[in-house]
Amino acid sequence: MKTSVIVQNLKCGGCANTISNKLSEIENISDIHVDIEESKISFKYIDEEDAFLVKAKLKNIGYPSVEEENSMISKTKSFISCATGKF
């Protein structure tokens, strides 16, 4: 199945690279596409638990979904994730 998640703190290609790399580590997730302008991550998954793992991973690296709180910690994590993705 295919779905998408709208996230916070997605600003540039560095962010997109980190998101793509981290999500590709999750088993049963494929066809990851990051749309920077819309802050949207689209992907295919096999079962619903995999989709929940994606949301948890995004939050963990600083890109919480729009339904979640965007704390200072999330903003800081996204800044670090962004910088890492630029290398």
PDB file of N, CA and C in Angstrom:
ATOM      1  N   MET A   1       0.824  -1.167   0.000  1.00  0.00           N
ATOM      2  CA  MET A   1       0.000   0.000   0.000  1.00  0.00           C
ATOM      3  C   MET A   1       0.881   1.248   0.000  1.00  0.00           C
ATOM      4  N   LYS A   2       0.289   2.349  -0.412  1.00  0.00           N
ATOM      5  CA  LYS A   2       1.028   3.604  -0.461  1.00  0.00           C
ATOM      6  C   LYS A   2       0.330   4.635   0.416  1.00  0.00           C
ATOM      7  N   THR A   3       1.149   5.445   1.088  1.00  0.00           N
ATOM      8  CA  THR A   3       0.610   6.520   1.918  1.00  0.00           C
ATOM      9  C   THR A   3       1.604   7.664   1.955  1.00  0.00           C
ATOM     10  N   SER A   4       1.224   8.732   2.614  1.00  0.00           N
ATOM     11  CA  SER A   4       2.135   9.859   2.782  1.00  0.00           C
ATOM     12  C   SER A   4       1.908  10.493   4.151  1.00  0.00           C
ATOM     13  N   VAL A   5       2.939  11.208   4.601  1.00  0.00           N
ATOM     14  CA  VAL A   5       2.912  11.878   5.895  1.00  0.00           C
ATOM     15  C   VAL A   5       3.381  13.312   5.685  1.00  0.00           C
ATOM     16  N   ILE A   6       2.657  14.262   6.220  1.00  0.00           N
ATOM     17  CA  ILE A   6       3.073  15.663   6.207  1.00  0.00           C
ATOM     18  C   ILE A   6       3.852  15.892   7.505  1.00  0.00           C
ATOM     19  N   VAL A   7       5.070  16.429   7.369  1.00  0.00           N
ATOM     20  CA  VAL A   7       5.929  16.599   8.542  1.00  0.00           C
ATOM     21  C   VAL A   7       6.295  18.058   8.764  1.00  0.00           C
ATOM     22  N   GLN A   8       6.848  18.312   9.927  1.00  0.00           N
ATOM     23  CA  GLN A   8       7.341  19.638  10.288  1.00  0.00           C
ATOM     24  C   GLN A   8       8.864  19.646  10.170  1.00  0.00           C
ATOM     25  N   ASN A   9       9.439  20.811  10.034  1.00  0.00           N
ATOM     26  CA  ASN A   9      10.891  21.056  10.042  1.00  0.00           C
ATOM     27  C   ASN A   9      11.621  20.635   8.771  1.00  0.00           C
ATOM     28  N   LEU A  10      10.927  20.185   7.752  1.00  0.00           N
ATOM     29  CA  LEU A  10      11.566  19.787   6.496  1.00  0.00           C
ATOM     30  C   LEU A  10      11.868  21.043   5.692  1.00  0.00           C
ATOM     31  N   LYS A  11      13.148  21.330   5.487  1.00  0.00           N
ATOM     32  CA  LYS A  11      13.531  22.601   4.880  1.00  0.00           C
ATOM     33  C   LYS A  11      14.336  22.487   3.580  1.00  0.00           C
ATOM     34  N   CYS A  12      15.153  21.410   3.438  1.00  0.00           N
ATOM     35  CA  CYS A  12      16.089  21.410   2.312  1.00  0.00           C
ATOM     36  C   CYS A  12      16.475  19.994   1.880  1.00  0.00           C
ATOM     37  N   GLY A  13      17.381  19.937   0.925  1.00  0.00           N
ATOM     38  CA  GLY A  13      17.868  18.662   0.422  1.00  0.00           C
ATOM     39  C   GLY A  13      18.612  17.852   1.460  1.00  0.00           C
ATOM     40  N   GLY A  14      19.277  18.516   2.398  1.00  0.00           N
ATOM     41  CA  GLY A  14      19.963  17.796   3.478  1.00  0.00           C
ATOM     42  C   GLY A  14      18.963  17.038   4.332  1.00  0.00           C
ATOM     43  N   CYS A  15      17.862  17.690   4.645  1.00  0.00           N
ATOM     44  CA  CYS A  15      16.781  17.033   5.393  1.00  0.00           C
ATOM     45  C   CYS A  15      16.245  15.845   4.597  1.00  0.00           C
ATOM     46  N   ALA A  16      15.987  16.069   3.316  1.00  0.00           N
ATOM     47  CA  ALA A  16      15.434  15.021   2.460  1.00  0.00           C
ATOM     48  C   ALA A  16      16.366  13.816   2.379  1.00  0.00           C
ATOM     49  N   ASN A  17      17.673  14.059   2.265  1.00  0.00           N
ATOM     50  CA  ASN A  17      18.634  12.957   2.220  1.00  0.00           C
ATOM     51  C   ASN A  17      18.616  12.138   3.499  1.00  0.00           C
ATOM     52  N   THR A  18      18.616  12.812   4.631  1.00  0.00           N
ATOM     53  CA  THR A  18      18.574  12.107   5.914  1.00  0.00           C
ATOM     54  C   THR A  18      17.295  11.292   6.039  1.00  0.00           C
ATOM     55  N   ILE A  19      16.171  11.888   5.703  1.00  0.00           N
ATOM     56  CA  ILE A  19      14.892  11.186   5.788  1.00  0.00           C
ATOM     57  C   ILE A  19      14.903   9.951   4.899  1.00  0.00           C
ATOM     58  N   SER A  20      15.327  10.097   3.658  1.00  0.00           N
ATOM     59  CA  SER A  20      15.370   8.956   2.734  1.00  0.00           C
ATOM     60  C   SER A  20      16.279   7.850   3.254  1.00  0.00           C
ATOM     61  N   ASN A  21      17.452   8.222   3.727  1.00  0.00           N
ATOM     62  CA  ASN A  21      18.408   7.228   4.240  1.00  0.00           C
ATOM     63  C   ASN A  21      17.864   6.497   5.459  1.00  0.00           C
ATOM     64  N   LYS A  22      17.303   7.233   6.394  1.00  0.00           N
ATOM     65  CA  LYS A  22      16.803   6.615   7.629  1.00  0.00           C
ATOM     66  C   LYS A  22      15.575   5.739   7.371  1.00  0.00           C
ATOM     67  N   LEU A  23      14.676   6.192   6.499  1.00  0.00           N
ATOM     68  CA  LEU A  23      13.484   5.389   6.225  1.00  0.00           C
ATOM     69  C   LEU A  23      13.807   4.141   5.418  1.00  0.00           C
ATOM     70  N   SER A  24      14.836   4.205   4.589  1.00  0.00           N
ATOM     71  CA  SER A  24      15.207   3.025   3.804  1.00  0.00           C
ATOM     72  C   SER A  24      15.771   1.911   4.685  1.00  0.00           C
ATOM     73  N   GLU A  25      16.130   2.226   5.926  1.00  0.00           N
ATOM     74  CA  GLU A  25      16.605   1.218   6.871  1.00  0.00           C
ATOM     75  C   GLU A  25      15.457   0.372   7.424  1.00  0.00           C
ATOM     76  N   ILE A  26      14.221   0.827   7.270  1.00  0.00           N
ATOM     77  CA  ILE A  26      13.061   0.110   7.810  1.00  0.00           C
ATOM     78  C   ILE A  26      12.630  -0.953   6.803  1.00  0.00           C
ATOM     79  N   GLU A  27      12.559  -2.184   7.293  1.00  0.00           N
ATOM     80  CA  GLU A  27      12.144  -3.294   6.453  1.00  0.00           C
ATOM     81  C   GLU A  27      10.706  -3.084   5.984  1.00  0.00           C
ATOM     82  N   ASN A  28      10.411  -3.490   4.769  1.00  0.00           N
ATOM     83  CA  ASN A  28       9.080  -3.410   4.151  1.00  0.00           C
ATOM     84  C   ASN A  28       8.658  -2.002   3.754  1.00  0.00           C
ATOM     85  N   ILE A  29       9.591  -1.039   3.760  1.00  0.00           N
ATOM     86  CA  ILE A  29       9.311   0.316   3.281  1.00  0.00           C
ATOM     87  C   ILE A  29      10.062   0.508   1.969  1.00  0.00           C
ATOM     88  N   SER A  30       9.364   1.000   0.955  1.00  0.00           N
ATOM     89  CA  SER A  30       9.997   1.195  -0.353  1.00  0.00           C
ATOM     90  C   SER A  30       9.411   2.425  -1.043  1.00  0.00           C
ATOM     91  N   ASP A  31       9.983   2.749  -2.189  1.00  0.00           N
ATOM     92  CA  ASP A  31       9.529   3.883  -3.011  1.00  0.00           C
ATOM     93  C   ASP A  31       9.338   5.157  -2.193  1.00  0.00           C
ATOM     94  N   ILE A  32      10.384   5.511  -1.461  1.00  0.00           N
ATOM     95  CA  ILE A  32      10.338   6.704  -0.604  1.00  0.00           C
ATOM     96  C   ILE A  32      10.546   7.943  -1.471  1.00  0.00           C
ATOM     97  N   HIS A  33       9.648   8.895  -1.335  1.00  0.00           N
ATOM     98  CA  HIS A  33       9.768  10.160  -2.063  1.00  0.00           C
ATOM     99  C   HIS A  33       9.551  11.305  -1.072  1.00  0.00           C
ATOM    100  N   VAL A  34      10.491  12.245  -1.060  1.00  0.00           N
ATOM    101  CA  VAL A  34      10.404  13.394  -0.162  1.00  0.00           C
ATOM    102  C   VAL A  34      10.143  14.645  -0.993  1.00  0.00           C
ATOM    103  N   ASP A  35       9.015  15.287  -0.748  1.00  0.00           N
ATOM    104  CA  ASP A  35       8.642  16.525  -1.420  1.00  0.00           C
ATOM    105  C   ASP A  35       8.907  17.674  -0.450  1.00  0.00           C
ATOM    106  N   ILE A  36       9.999  18.393  -0.691  1.00  0.00           N
ATOM    107  CA  ILE A  36      10.427  19.458   0.214  1.00  0.00           C
ATOM    108  C   ILE A  36       9.407  20.601   0.255  1.00  0.00           C
ATOM    109  N   GLU A  37       8.902  20.996  -0.893  1.00  0.00           N
ATOM    110  CA  GLU A  37       7.981  22.136  -0.947  1.00  0.00           C
ATOM    111  C   GLU A  37       6.693  21.893  -0.171  1.00  0.00           C
ATOM    112  N   GLU A  38       6.209  20.651  -0.195  1.00  0.00           N
ATOM    113  CA  GLU A  38       4.960  20.327   0.496  1.00  0.00           C
ATOM    114  C   GLU A  38       5.195  19.697   1.870  1.00  0.00           C
ATOM    115  N   SER A  39       6.471  19.495   2.232  1.00  0.00           N
ATOM    116  CA  SER A  39       6.825  18.831   3.499  1.00  0.00           C
ATOM    117  C   SER A  39       6.151  17.465   3.609  1.00  0.00           C
ATOM    118  N   LYS A  40       6.132  16.747   2.488  1.00  0.00           N
ATOM    119  CA  LYS A  40       5.414  15.472   2.423  1.00  0.00           C
ATOM    120  C   LYS A  40       6.365  14.334   2.086  1.00  0.00           C
ATOM    121  N   ILE A  41       6.240  13.244   2.847  1.00  0.00           N
ATOM    122  CA  ILE A  41       7.010  12.030   2.594  1.00  0.00           C
ATOM    123  C   ILE A  41       6.023  10.958   2.177  1.00  0.00           C
ATOM    124  N   SER A  42       6.225  10.409   0.964  1.00  0.00           N
ATOM    125  CA  SER A  42       5.376   9.338   0.449  1.00  0.00           C
ATOM    126  C   SER A  42       6.196   8.059   0.423  1.00  0.00           C
ATOM    127  N   PHE A  43       5.529   6.927   0.659  1.00  0.00           N
ATOM    128  CA  PHE A  43       6.224   5.644   0.659  1.00  0.00           C
ATOM    129  C   PHE A  43       5.218   4.501   0.528  1.00  0.00           C
ATOM    130  N   LYS A  44       5.745   3.337   0.167  1.00  0.00           N
ATOM    131  CA  LYS A  44       4.941   2.119   0.120  1.00  0.00           C
ATOM    132  C   LYS A  44       5.299   1.270   1.328  1.00  0.00           C
ATOM    133  N   TYR A  45       4.306   0.565   1.833  1.00  0.00           N
ATOM    134  CA  TYR A  45       4.515  -0.297   2.992  1.00  0.00           C
ATOM    135  C   TYR A  45       3.711  -1.580   2.815  1.00  0.00           C
ATOM    136  N   ILE A  46       4.075  -2.602   3.578  1.00  0.00           N
ATOM    137  CA  ILE A  46       3.376  -3.886   3.471  1.00  0.00           C
ATOM    138  C   ILE A  46       2.239  -3.990   4.471  1.00  0.00           C
ATOM    139  N   ASP A  47       2.514  -3.737   5.751  1.00  0.00           N
ATOM    140  CA  ASP A  47       1.419  -3.756   6.722  1.00  0.00           C
ATOM    141  C   ASP A  47       1.424  -2.481   7.555  1.00  0.00           C
ATOM    142  N   GLU A  48       0.311  -2.249   8.219  1.00  0.00           N
ATOM    143  CA  GLU A  48       0.097  -0.980   8.913  1.00  0.00           C
ATOM    144  C   GLU A  48       1.160  -0.679   9.960  1.00  0.00           C
ATOM    145  N   GLU A  49       1.680  -1.699  10.612  1.00  0.00           N
ATOM    146  CA  GLU A  49       2.721  -1.503  11.625  1.00  0.00           C
ATOM    147  C   GLU A  49       3.953  -0.814  11.019  1.00  0.00           C
ATOM    148  N   ASP A  50       4.260  -1.144   9.762  1.00  0.00           N
ATOM    149  CA  ASP A  50       5.401  -0.518   9.086  1.00  0.00           C
ATOM    150  C   ASP A  50       5.183   0.988   8.933  1.00  0.00           C
ATOM    151  N   ALA A  51       3.966   1.393   8.621  1.00  0.00           N
ATOM    152  CA  ALA A  51       3.654   2.824   8.481  1.00  0.00           C
ATOM    153  C   ALA A  51       3.823   3.548   9.818  1.00  0.00           C
ATOM    154  N   PHE A  52       3.441   2.895  10.913  1.00  0.00           N
ATOM    155  CA  PHE A  52       3.630   3.493  12.240  1.00  0.00           C
ATOM    156  C   PHE A  52       5.109   3.613  12.583  1.00  0.00           C
ATOM    157  N   LEU A  53       5.913   2.647  12.124  1.00  0.00           N
ATOM    158  CA  LEU A  53       7.365   2.717  12.348  1.00  0.00           C
ATOM    159  C   LEU A  53       7.965   3.920  11.626  1.00  0.00           C
ATOM    160  N   VAL A  54       7.444   4.233  10.444  1.00  0.00           N
ATOM    161  CA  VAL A  54       7.922   5.400   9.692  1.00  0.00           C
ATOM    162  C   VAL A  54       7.644   6.676  10.478  1.00  0.00           C
ATOM    163  N   LYS A  55       6.426   6.824  10.991  1.00  0.00           N
ATOM    164  CA  LYS A  55       6.098   8.029  11.762  1.00  0.00           C
ATOM    165  C   LYS A  55       6.973   8.144  13.005  1.00  0.00           C
ATOM    166  N   ALA A  56       7.219   7.022  13.664  1.00  0.00           N
ATOM    167  CA  ALA A  56       8.070   7.042  14.860  1.00  0.00           C
ATOM    168  C   ALA A  56       9.502   7.418  14.508  1.00  0.00           C
ATOM    169  N   LYS A  57      10.018   6.882  13.400  1.00  0.00           N
ATOM    170  CA  LYS A  57      11.388   7.193  12.965  1.00  0.00           C
ATOM    171  C   LYS A  57      11.487   8.669  12.599  1.00  0.00           C
ATOM    172  N   LEU A  58      10.505   9.191  11.883  1.00  0.00           N
ATOM    173  CA  LEU A  58      10.514  10.605  11.518  1.00  0.00           C
ATOM    174  C   LEU A  58      10.548  11.496  12.757  1.00  0.00           C
ATOM    175  N   LYS A  59       9.724  11.165  13.733  1.00  0.00           N
ATOM    176  CA  LYS A  59       9.707  11.948  14.970  1.00  0.00           C
ATOM    177  C   LYS A  59      11.054  11.856  15.678  1.00  0.00           C
ATOM    178  N   ASN A  60      11.639  10.669  15.692  1.00  0.00           N
ATOM    179  CA  ASN A  60      12.912  10.446  16.371  1.00  0.00           C
ATOM    180  C   ASN A  60      14.063  11.253  15.758  1.00  0.00           C
ATOM    181  N   ILE A  61      14.009  11.496  14.454  1.00  0.00           N
ATOM    182  CA  ILE A  61      15.093  12.254  13.806  1.00  0.00           C
ATOM    183  C   ILE A  61      14.749  13.737  13.639  1.00  0.00           C
ATOM    184  N   GLY A  62      13.619  14.174  14.239  1.00  0.00           N
ATOM    185  CA  GLY A  62      13.316  15.604  14.268  1.00  0.00           C
ATOM    186  C   GLY A  62      12.280  16.091  13.280  1.00  0.00           C
ATOM    187  N   TYR A  63      11.526  15.170  12.678  1.00  0.00           N
ATOM    188  CA  TYR A  63      10.511  15.556  11.702  1.00  0.00           C
ATOM    189  C   TYR A  63       9.150  14.982  12.102  1.00  0.00           C
ATOM    190  N   PRO A  64       8.562  15.501  13.185  1.00  0.00           N
ATOM    191  CA  PRO A  64       7.260  14.981  13.621  1.00  0.00           C
ATOM    192  C   PRO A  64       6.168  15.306  12.607  1.00  0.00           C
ATOM    193  N   SER A  65       5.142  14.476  12.565  1.00  0.00           N
ATOM    194  CA  SER A  65       4.013  14.757  11.671  1.00  0.00           C
ATOM    195  C   SER A  65       3.295  16.011  12.160  1.00  0.00           C
ATOM    196  N   VAL A  66       2.471  16.581  11.301  1.00  0.00           N
ATOM    197  CA  VAL A  66       1.797  17.835  11.645  1.00  0.00           C
ATOM    198  C   VAL A  66       0.832  17.674  12.811  1.00  0.00           C
ATOM    199  N   GLU A  67       0.408  16.443  13.117  1.00  0.00           N
ATOM    200  CA  GLU A  67      -0.496  16.216  14.235  1.00  0.00           C
ATOM    201  C   GLU A  67       0.233  16.229  15.577  1.00  0.00           C
ATOM    202  N   GLU A  68       1.558  16.130  15.551  1.00  0.00           N
ATOM    203  CA  GLU A  68       2.333  16.017  16.777  1.00  0.00           C
ATOM    204  C   GLU A  68       2.942  17.356  17.177  1.00  0.00           C
ATOM    205  N   GLU A  69       3.320  17.448  18.446  1.00  0.00           N
ATOM    206  CA  GLU A  69       3.966  18.657  18.949  1.00  0.00           C
ATOM    207  C   GLU A  69       5.341  18.815  18.315  1.00  0.00           C
ATOM    208  N   ASN A  70       5.671  20.035  17.944  1.00  0.00           N
ATOM    209  CA  ASN A  70       6.986  20.343  17.381  1.00  0.00           C
ATOM    210  C   ASN A  70       7.807  21.048  18.461  1.00  0.00           C
ATOM    211  N   SER A  71       8.376  20.261  19.341  1.00  0.00           N
ATOM    212  CA  SER A  71       9.113  20.801  20.482  1.00  0.00           C
ATOM    213  C   SER A  71      10.480  21.346  20.066  1.00  0.00           C
ATOM    214  N   MET A  72      11.114  22.039  20.974  1.00  0.00           N
ATOM    215  CA  MET A  72      12.462  22.552  20.735  1.00  0.00           C
ATOM    216  C   MET A  72      13.420  21.384  20.481  1.00  0.00           C
ATOM    217  N   ILE A  73      13.201  20.269  21.151  1.00  0.00           N
ATOM    218  CA  ILE A  73      14.049  19.086  20.933  1.00  0.00           C
ATOM    219  C   ILE A  73      13.899  18.589  19.504  1.00  0.00           C
ATOM    220  N   SER A  74      12.669  18.536  18.985  1.00  0.00           N
ATOM    221  CA  SER A  74      12.446  18.115  17.600  1.00  0.00           C
ATOM    222  C   SER A  74      13.134  19.058  16.625  1.00  0.00           C
ATOM    223  N   LYS A  75      13.021  20.348  16.883  1.00  0.00           N
ATOM    224  CA  LYS A  75      13.648  21.334  16.004  1.00  0.00           C
ATOM    225  C   LYS A  75      15.164  21.179  16.014  1.00  0.00           C
ATOM    226  N   THR A  76      15.728  20.920  17.181  1.00  0.00           N
ATOM    227  CA  THR A  76      17.174  20.729  17.289  1.00  0.00           C
ATOM    228  C   THR A  76      17.607  19.458  16.560  1.00  0.00           C
ATOM    229  N   LYS A  77      16.853  18.378  16.748  1.00  0.00           N
ATOM    230  CA  LYS A  77      17.168  17.118  16.064  1.00  0.00           C
ATOM    231  C   LYS A  77      17.103  17.294  14.552  1.00  0.00           C
ATOM    232  N   SER A  78      16.118  18.039  14.068  1.00  0.00           N
ATOM    233  CA  SER A  78      16.000  18.233  12.622  1.00  0.00           C
ATOM    234  C   SER A  78      17.178  19.048  12.085  1.00  0.00           C
ATOM    235  N   PHE A  79      17.643  20.010  12.865  1.00  0.00           N
ATOM    236  CA  PHE A  79      18.801  20.801  12.460  1.00  0.00           C
ATOM    237  C   PHE A  79      20.032  19.907  12.308  1.00  0.00           C
ATOM    238  N   ILE A  80      20.227  19.001  13.267  1.00  0.00           N
ATOM    239  CA  ILE A  80      21.346  18.061  13.212  1.00  0.00           C
ATOM    240  C   ILE A  80      21.173  17.093  12.053  1.00  0.00           C
ATOM    241  N   SER A  81      19.947  16.573  11.865  1.00  0.00           N
ATOM    242  CA  SER A  81      19.673  15.654  10.763  1.00  0.00           C
ATOM    243  C   SER A  81      19.913  16.329   9.416  1.00  0.00           C
ATOM    244  N   CYS A  82      19.527  17.586   9.325  1.00  0.00           N
ATOM    245  CA  CYS A  82      19.721  18.360   8.095  1.00  0.00           C
ATOM    246  C   CYS A  82      21.208  18.477   7.791  1.00  0.00           C
ATOM    247  N   ALA A  83      21.983  18.874   8.786  1.00  0.00           N
ATOM    248  CA  ALA A  83      23.434  19.031   8.600  1.00  0.00           C
ATOM    249  C   ALA A  83      24.083  17.713   8.202  1.00  0.00           C
ATOM    250  N   THR A  84      23.653  16.624   8.838  1.00  0.00           N
ATOM    251  CA  THR A  84      24.209  15.302   8.518  1.00  0.00           C
ATOM    252  C   THR A  84      23.887  14.928   7.072  1.00  0.00           C
ATOM    253  N   GLY A  85      22.691  15.247   6.617  1.00  0.00           N
ATOM    254  CA  GLY A  85      22.267  14.913   5.259  1.00  0.00           C
ATOM    255  C   GLY A  85      23.006  15.674   4.180  1.00  0.00           C
ATOM    256  N   LYS A  86      23.657  16.772   4.541  1.00  0.00           N
ATOM    257  CA  LYS A  86      24.404  17.572   3.560  1.00  0.00           C
ATOM    258  C   LYS A  86      25.774  17.014   3.277  1.00  0.00           C
ATOM    259  N   PHE A  87      26.256  16.091   4.112  1.00  0.00           N
ATOM    260  CA  PHE A  87      27.597  15.538   3.915  1.00  0.00           C
ATOM    261  C   PHE A  87      27.591  14.360   2.996  1.00  0.00           C
TER     262      PHE A  87
END
